[in-house]
Protein backbone atom coordinates (compact mmCIF):
# COMPACT_ATOMS: atom_id res chain seq x y z
CA MET A 1 13.06 15.35 -10.24
CA ALA A 2 12.04 18.26 -8.07
CA LYS A 3 14.24 18.26 -5.01
CA LEU A 4 12.79 18.84 -1.58
CA SER A 5 14.83 20.90 0.83
CA ALA A 6 15.32 19.53 4.33
CA ASP A 7 12.82 22.11 5.63
CA GLU A 8 10.24 21.21 2.97
CA ARG A 9 10.67 17.53 3.73
CA LYS A 10 10.19 18.11 7.48
CA LYS A 11 6.93 19.97 6.80
CA LEU A 12 5.40 17.04 4.91
CA ASP A 13 2.82 14.96 6.69
CA LYS A 14 3.93 11.34 7.15
CA SER A 15 1.11 10.28 4.84
CA ALA A 16 2.95 12.05 2.00
CA PHE A 17 5.59 9.29 1.97
CA ALA A 18 5.47 5.82 0.44
CA PHE A 19 7.12 4.59 3.65
CA PRO A 20 5.66 6.94 6.28
CA LYS A 21 7.29 5.39 9.37
CA GLU A 22 10.72 5.81 7.80
CA GLU A 23 9.76 9.05 6.00
CA LYS A 24 11.19 7.64 2.77
CA GLU A 25 10.10 8.24 -0.81
CA PRO A 26 7.89 11.34 -0.82
CA LEU A 27 4.93 11.25 -3.21
CA GLU A 28 4.37 14.96 -3.80
CA ASN A 29 4.29 15.01 -7.61
CA ALA A 30 4.68 12.82 -10.70
CA SER A 31 8.47 13.04 -10.60
CA HIS A 32 8.58 11.86 -6.99
CA VAL A 33 6.21 9.00 -7.77
CA ARG A 34 8.44 7.80 -10.65
CA ASN A 35 11.46 8.08 -8.37
CA ALA A 36 9.73 6.13 -5.60
CA ILE A 37 9.07 3.29 -8.03
CA ALA A 38 12.64 3.34 -9.34
CA ARG A 39 14.13 3.29 -5.83
CA PHE A 40 11.53 1.04 -4.22
CA LYS A 41 13.74 -2.02 -3.80
CA GLN A 42 16.60 0.09 -2.39
CA VAL A 43 14.65 0.90 0.78
CA LYS A 44 16.18 -1.05 3.65
CA GLY A 45 14.73 -2.17 6.97
CA VAL A 46 11.11 -2.59 5.95
CA SER A 47 8.94 -5.70 5.98
CA ASP A 48 7.03 -7.14 3.04
CA SER A 49 3.78 -5.95 4.61
CA GLU A 50 5.21 -2.40 4.80
CA ARG A 51 6.23 -2.74 1.14
CA ASP A 52 2.70 -3.88 0.25
CA ALA A 53 1.25 -0.81 1.97
CA ALA A 54 3.83 1.48 0.35
CA TRP A 55 3.00 0.04 -3.08
CA LYS A 56 -0.68 0.86 -2.53
CA ARG A 57 0.25 4.45 -1.65
CA ILE A 58 2.49 4.70 -4.72
CA LYS A 59 -0.25 3.35 -7.02
CA SER A 60 -2.73 5.82 -5.55
CA ALA A 61 -0.31 8.72 -6.04
CA ALA A 62 0.48 7.50 -9.56
CA LYS A 63 -3.20 7.65 -10.44
CA LYS A 64 -3.49 11.14 -8.92
CA PHE A 65 -0.51 12.45 -10.93
CA ASN A 66 -1.23 10.46 -14.13
CA VAL A 67 1.89 8.30 -13.88
CA GLU A 68 1.65 5.02 -15.76
CA VAL A 69 2.58 2.00 -13.63
CA THR A 70 3.01 -1.20 -15.62
CA GLU A 71 3.94 -3.44 -12.67
CA LYS A 72 1.06 -5.18 -10.90
CA SER A 73 3.11 -5.64 -7.72
CA TRP A 74 6.29 -4.21 -6.24
CA ARG A 75 7.76 -7.68 -6.69
CA ASP A 76 7.56 -7.13 -10.46
CA ILE A 77 9.80 -4.05 -10.45
CA GLY A 78 12.79 -4.62 -12.69
CA LYS A 79 11.41 -7.77 -14.29
CA ASP A 80 11.02 -7.74 -18.04
């Protein structure tokens, strides 16, 4: 995954994050989108409604960067 430096991360608009209020899980490229999905359930201190909104942002970014998302909902992450 492409790492963001602290300065690069600070320059991102809040809308560039899956969780904008917390500035967690940037969605700047395909690698970041895949990482946001993988780490989604590790994000602490957010409500289910915030997770729902973050999932919508992730799915939108996934479409933009041609990342396949097989889960219909964030609740399906990790289920086989």
